[in-house]
Amino acid sequence: GRLAEPIAIQELPLEVIQALRKAAAEHPSKQEPADGCSAAVTVAYAFAETVFIFPITPTTPLGETADQWAVAGKTNSFGVVPKVQQMQSEAGAVAGVHGTL
């Protein structure tokens, strides 16, 4: 079941309706089908200042995608190009994350 019943947009306060319409106009939907790895790297990149990657087997596109975006100058949600740092192991990546906290 649902947690709550849907509310018709006409029932919302006028300022909420205006804010929703403004946000929709400024941020058009760009939905694309994505696999789990693509979805994860998209969200992680959008909110990270530093991305720690490490080689794993079997390979995934996570690290390579983040690195390509950074090299291309793609900014995250804060207008910053995250620094991508390649580590040699999972332990190195974990240590890097711990050090940035």
N, C-alpha and C. Protein backbone atom coordinates (compact mmCIF):
# COMPACT_ATOMS: atom_id res chain seq x y z
N GLY A 1 0.79 -1.17 0.00
CA GLY A 1 0.00 0.00 0.00
C GLY A 1 0.85 1.26 0.00
N ARG A 2 0.18 2.33 -0.12
CA ARG A 2 0.82 3.65 -0.13
C ARG A 2 0.99 4.17 1.29
N LEU A 3 2.00 5.01 1.47
CA LEU A 3 2.18 5.66 2.76
C LEU A 3 1.19 6.79 2.94
N ALA A 4 0.77 7.40 1.85
CA ALA A 4 -0.20 8.50 1.90
C ALA A 4 -0.93 8.55 0.58
N GLU A 5 -2.08 9.15 0.60
CA GLU A 5 -2.85 9.31 -0.62
C GLU A 5 -2.28 10.48 -1.43
N PRO A 6 -2.30 10.38 -2.76
CA PRO A 6 -1.81 11.48 -3.58
C PRO A 6 -2.67 12.73 -3.39
N ILE A 7 -2.04 13.88 -3.54
CA ILE A 7 -2.75 15.16 -3.43
C ILE A 7 -2.79 15.78 -4.82
N ALA A 8 -3.96 16.19 -5.22
CA ALA A 8 -4.09 16.86 -6.52
C ALA A 8 -3.36 18.19 -6.46
N ILE A 9 -2.69 18.54 -7.56
CA ILE A 9 -1.88 19.77 -7.57
C ILE A 9 -2.74 21.00 -7.28
N GLN A 10 -4.01 20.97 -7.66
CA GLN A 10 -4.89 22.10 -7.41
C GLN A 10 -5.14 22.32 -5.92
N GLU A 11 -4.93 21.31 -5.10
CA GLU A 11 -5.16 21.41 -3.66
C GLU A 11 -3.96 21.98 -2.91
N LEU A 12 -2.82 22.12 -3.58
CA LEU A 12 -1.62 22.65 -2.93
C LEU A 12 -1.70 24.16 -2.84
N PRO A 13 -1.00 24.75 -1.87
CA PRO A 13 -0.94 26.22 -1.81
C PRO A 13 -0.34 26.79 -3.09
N LEU A 14 -0.79 27.97 -3.46
CA LEU A 14 -0.36 28.61 -4.70
C LEU A 14 1.16 28.73 -4.78
N GLU A 15 1.82 29.12 -3.68
CA GLU A 15 3.28 29.29 -3.72
C GLU A 15 3.99 27.96 -3.96
N VAL A 16 3.42 26.86 -3.49
CA VAL A 16 4.02 25.54 -3.74
C VAL A 16 3.86 25.18 -5.21
N ILE A 17 2.69 25.43 -5.75
CA ILE A 17 2.45 25.15 -7.18
C ILE A 17 3.42 25.96 -8.04
N GLN A 18 3.59 27.24 -7.71
CA GLN A 18 4.50 28.09 -8.48
C GLN A 18 5.94 27.59 -8.36
N ALA A 19 6.35 27.18 -7.17
CA ALA A 19 7.71 26.68 -6.98
C ALA A 19 7.93 25.38 -7.76
N LEU A 20 6.95 24.50 -7.76
CA LEU A 20 7.06 23.25 -8.52
C LEU A 20 7.15 23.53 -10.02
N ARG A 21 6.35 24.44 -10.50
CA ARG A 21 6.38 24.77 -11.94
C ARG A 21 7.70 25.42 -12.33
N LYS A 22 8.21 26.29 -11.46
CA LYS A 22 9.49 26.94 -11.72
C LYS A 22 10.61 25.90 -11.76
N ALA A 23 10.62 24.99 -10.78
CA ALA A 23 11.65 23.95 -10.74
C ALA A 23 11.57 23.05 -11.97
N ALA A 24 10.35 22.71 -12.39
CA ALA A 24 10.18 21.88 -13.58
C ALA A 24 10.69 22.58 -14.83
N ALA A 25 10.48 23.90 -14.92
CA ALA A 25 10.94 24.65 -16.09
C ALA A 25 12.46 24.79 -16.09
N GLU A 26 13.05 25.00 -14.91
CA GLU A 26 14.50 25.20 -14.83
C GLU A 26 15.28 23.89 -14.91
N HIS A 27 14.66 22.78 -14.55
CA HIS A 27 15.34 21.49 -14.51
C HIS A 27 14.51 20.45 -15.25
N PRO A 28 14.52 20.51 -16.59
CA PRO A 28 13.72 19.54 -17.35
C PRO A 28 14.20 18.12 -17.08
N SER A 29 13.27 17.21 -17.11
CA SER A 29 13.58 15.80 -16.85
C SER A 29 14.49 15.24 -17.93
N LYS A 30 15.52 14.53 -17.49
CA LYS A 30 16.47 13.91 -18.42
C LYS A 30 16.60 12.43 -18.08
N GLN A 31 15.49 11.78 -17.85
CA GLN A 31 15.53 10.40 -17.44
C GLN A 31 16.03 9.51 -18.56
N GLU A 32 16.93 8.61 -18.19
CA GLU A 32 17.47 7.62 -19.11
C GLU A 32 17.48 6.28 -18.41
N PRO A 33 17.30 5.21 -19.16
CA PRO A 33 17.46 3.91 -18.53
C PRO A 33 18.90 3.75 -18.06
N ALA A 34 19.08 3.15 -16.90
CA ALA A 34 20.44 2.98 -16.38
C ALA A 34 20.54 1.64 -15.66
N ASP A 35 21.73 1.07 -15.71
CA ASP A 35 21.96 -0.12 -14.89
C ASP A 35 22.39 0.36 -13.50
N GLY A 36 22.58 -0.57 -12.57
CA GLY A 36 22.93 -0.20 -11.21
C GLY A 36 24.23 0.56 -11.10
N CYS A 37 25.23 0.15 -11.87
CA CYS A 37 26.54 0.83 -11.82
C CYS A 37 26.43 2.27 -12.31
N SER A 38 25.73 2.48 -13.41
CA SER A 38 25.57 3.83 -13.95
C SER A 38 24.80 4.72 -12.97
N ALA A 39 23.77 4.17 -12.37
CA ALA A 39 23.00 4.94 -11.39
C ALA A 39 23.87 5.30 -10.19
N ALA A 40 24.65 4.35 -9.69
CA ALA A 40 25.49 4.59 -8.52
C ALA A 40 26.56 5.64 -8.79
N VAL A 41 27.24 5.56 -9.93
CA VAL A 41 28.29 6.53 -10.22
C VAL A 41 27.71 7.92 -10.47
N THR A 42 26.53 8.00 -11.03
CA THR A 42 25.89 9.30 -11.27
C THR A 42 25.61 10.01 -9.95
N VAL A 43 25.04 9.31 -9.00
CA VAL A 43 24.73 9.90 -7.70
C VAL A 43 26.01 10.18 -6.91
N ALA A 44 26.94 9.24 -6.89
CA ALA A 44 28.18 9.43 -6.15
C ALA A 44 28.96 10.63 -6.67
N TYR A 45 29.06 10.75 -7.98
CA TYR A 45 29.81 11.86 -8.59
C TYR A 45 29.13 13.19 -8.29
N ALA A 46 27.81 13.20 -8.31
CA ALA A 46 27.06 14.44 -8.10
C ALA A 46 27.28 15.03 -6.71
N PHE A 47 27.60 14.19 -5.71
CA PHE A 47 27.70 14.68 -4.34
C PHE A 47 29.08 14.54 -3.73
N ALA A 48 30.09 14.22 -4.52
CA ALA A 48 31.43 14.00 -3.98
C ALA A 48 32.39 15.12 -4.33
N GLU A 49 33.31 15.40 -3.43
CA GLU A 49 34.43 16.30 -3.71
C GLU A 49 35.62 15.50 -4.20
N THR A 50 35.74 14.28 -3.69
CA THR A 50 36.83 13.39 -4.07
C THR A 50 36.25 12.01 -4.33
N VAL A 51 36.71 11.38 -5.40
CA VAL A 51 36.28 10.03 -5.75
C VAL A 51 37.50 9.13 -5.71
N PHE A 52 37.45 8.11 -4.87
CA PHE A 52 38.55 7.15 -4.78
C PHE A 52 38.16 5.91 -5.56
N ILE A 53 39.00 5.54 -6.52
CA ILE A 53 38.72 4.35 -7.32
C ILE A 53 39.87 3.37 -7.14
N PHE A 54 39.58 2.10 -7.40
CA PHE A 54 40.62 1.07 -7.32
C PHE A 54 40.28 -0.03 -8.31
N PRO A 55 41.30 -0.70 -8.82
CA PRO A 55 41.05 -1.77 -9.79
C PRO A 55 40.42 -2.98 -9.12
N ILE A 56 39.35 -3.50 -9.74
CA ILE A 56 38.73 -4.72 -9.23
C ILE A 56 38.47 -5.68 -10.38
N THR A 57 38.27 -6.92 -10.04
CA THR A 57 37.94 -7.93 -11.03
C THR A 57 36.67 -8.63 -10.56
N PRO A 58 35.65 -8.79 -11.36
CA PRO A 58 35.54 -8.28 -12.73
C PRO A 58 35.39 -6.76 -12.72
N THR A 59 35.76 -6.16 -13.81
CA THR A 59 35.73 -4.70 -13.89
C THR A 59 34.31 -4.17 -13.97
N THR A 60 34.12 -2.96 -13.49
CA THR A 60 32.85 -2.24 -13.61
C THR A 60 33.15 -0.86 -14.18
N PRO A 61 32.16 -0.20 -14.72
CA PRO A 61 32.40 1.12 -15.31
C PRO A 61 32.45 2.25 -14.28
N LEU A 62 32.34 1.95 -13.00
CA LEU A 62 32.26 3.01 -11.99
C LEU A 62 33.47 3.94 -12.00
N GLY A 63 34.65 3.39 -11.79
CA GLY A 63 35.85 4.22 -11.73
C GLY A 63 36.16 4.90 -13.04
N GLU A 64 36.05 4.15 -14.12
CA GLU A 64 36.37 4.70 -15.44
C GLU A 64 35.43 5.86 -15.79
N THR A 65 34.16 5.71 -15.49
CA THR A 65 33.19 6.76 -15.79
C THR A 65 33.49 8.02 -14.98
N ALA A 66 33.73 7.86 -13.68
CA ALA A 66 34.05 9.02 -12.83
C ALA A 66 35.31 9.72 -13.33
N ASP A 67 36.31 8.95 -13.70
CA ASP A 67 37.56 9.52 -14.20
C ASP A 67 37.34 10.27 -15.51
N GLN A 68 36.57 9.70 -16.42
CA GLN A 68 36.29 10.35 -17.70
C GLN A 68 35.53 11.66 -17.49
N TRP A 69 34.56 11.66 -16.59
CA TRP A 69 33.80 12.88 -16.32
C TRP A 69 34.71 13.97 -15.74
N ALA A 70 35.59 13.58 -14.83
CA ALA A 70 36.49 14.56 -14.21
C ALA A 70 37.46 15.15 -15.24
N VAL A 71 38.02 14.29 -16.08
CA VAL A 71 38.94 14.76 -17.12
C VAL A 71 38.23 15.70 -18.09
N ALA A 72 36.95 15.43 -18.36
CA ALA A 72 36.18 16.27 -19.27
C ALA A 72 35.71 17.57 -18.60
N GLY A 73 35.95 17.70 -17.28
CA GLY A 73 35.57 18.91 -16.58
C GLY A 73 34.12 18.97 -16.15
N LYS A 74 33.46 17.81 -16.09
CA LYS A 74 32.06 17.78 -15.67
C LYS A 74 31.97 18.15 -14.19
N THR A 75 31.15 19.14 -13.88
CA THR A 75 31.00 19.56 -12.49
C THR A 75 29.92 18.74 -11.79
N ASN A 76 30.03 18.70 -10.46
CA ASN A 76 29.03 17.99 -9.68
C ASN A 76 27.91 18.95 -9.28
N SER A 77 27.06 18.55 -8.36
CA SER A 77 25.92 19.38 -7.94
C SER A 77 26.35 20.68 -7.28
N PHE A 78 27.59 20.77 -6.82
CA PHE A 78 28.09 21.95 -6.14
C PHE A 78 28.94 22.83 -7.05
N GLY A 79 28.98 22.49 -8.34
CA GLY A 79 29.75 23.27 -9.30
C GLY A 79 31.24 23.01 -9.26
N VAL A 80 31.64 21.89 -8.68
CA VAL A 80 33.05 21.52 -8.52
C VAL A 80 33.33 20.26 -9.34
N VAL A 81 34.50 20.20 -9.95
CA VAL A 81 34.92 18.97 -10.60
C VAL A 81 35.60 18.12 -9.52
N PRO A 82 35.00 16.97 -9.18
CA PRO A 82 35.61 16.14 -8.14
C PRO A 82 37.00 15.66 -8.53
N LYS A 83 37.87 15.53 -7.54
CA LYS A 83 39.20 14.98 -7.76
C LYS A 83 39.08 13.46 -7.73
N VAL A 84 39.55 12.80 -8.78
CA VAL A 84 39.52 11.34 -8.84
C VAL A 84 40.91 10.83 -8.53
N GLN A 85 41.00 10.01 -7.51
CA GLN A 85 42.28 9.47 -7.06
C GLN A 85 42.25 7.95 -7.15
N GLN A 86 43.16 7.37 -7.94
CA GLN A 86 43.20 5.92 -8.05
C GLN A 86 44.06 5.34 -6.93
N MET A 87 43.50 4.38 -6.22
CA MET A 87 44.20 3.70 -5.15
C MET A 87 44.58 2.30 -5.64
N GLN A 88 45.41 1.60 -4.90
CA GLN A 88 45.86 0.27 -5.32
C GLN A 88 45.02 -0.87 -4.78
N SER A 89 44.16 -0.58 -3.81
CA SER A 89 43.35 -1.65 -3.22
C SER A 89 42.11 -1.06 -2.58
N GLU A 90 41.21 -1.95 -2.16
CA GLU A 90 40.03 -1.52 -1.43
C GLU A 90 40.44 -0.82 -0.14
N ALA A 91 41.45 -1.34 0.52
CA ALA A 91 41.91 -0.74 1.78
C ALA A 91 42.38 0.69 1.56
N GLY A 92 43.07 0.94 0.47
CA GLY A 92 43.51 2.29 0.16
C GLY A 92 42.34 3.22 -0.08
N ALA A 93 41.34 2.72 -0.80
CA ALA A 93 40.14 3.53 -1.07
C ALA A 93 39.40 3.85 0.22
N VAL A 94 39.29 2.86 1.10
CA VAL A 94 38.62 3.07 2.38
C VAL A 94 39.38 4.09 3.22
N ALA A 95 40.71 3.99 3.23
CA ALA A 95 41.53 4.94 3.98
C ALA A 95 41.36 6.35 3.42
N GLY A 96 41.28 6.48 2.10
CA GLY A 96 41.08 7.78 1.49
C GLY A 96 39.75 8.39 1.88
N VAL A 97 38.70 7.59 1.87
CA VAL A 97 37.39 8.09 2.27
C VAL A 97 37.42 8.50 3.73
N HIS A 98 38.03 7.68 4.57
CA HIS A 98 38.12 8.00 6.00
C HIS A 98 38.86 9.31 6.22
N GLY A 99 39.90 9.51 5.46
CA GLY A 99 40.70 10.74 5.59
C GLY A 99 39.96 11.99 5.15
N THR A 100 38.96 11.86 4.27
CA THR A 100 38.23 13.03 3.81
C THR A 100 37.09 13.41 4.72
N LEU A 101 36.74 12.53 5.64
CA LEU A 101 35.60 12.82 6.55
C LEU A 101 35.93 13.84 7.59
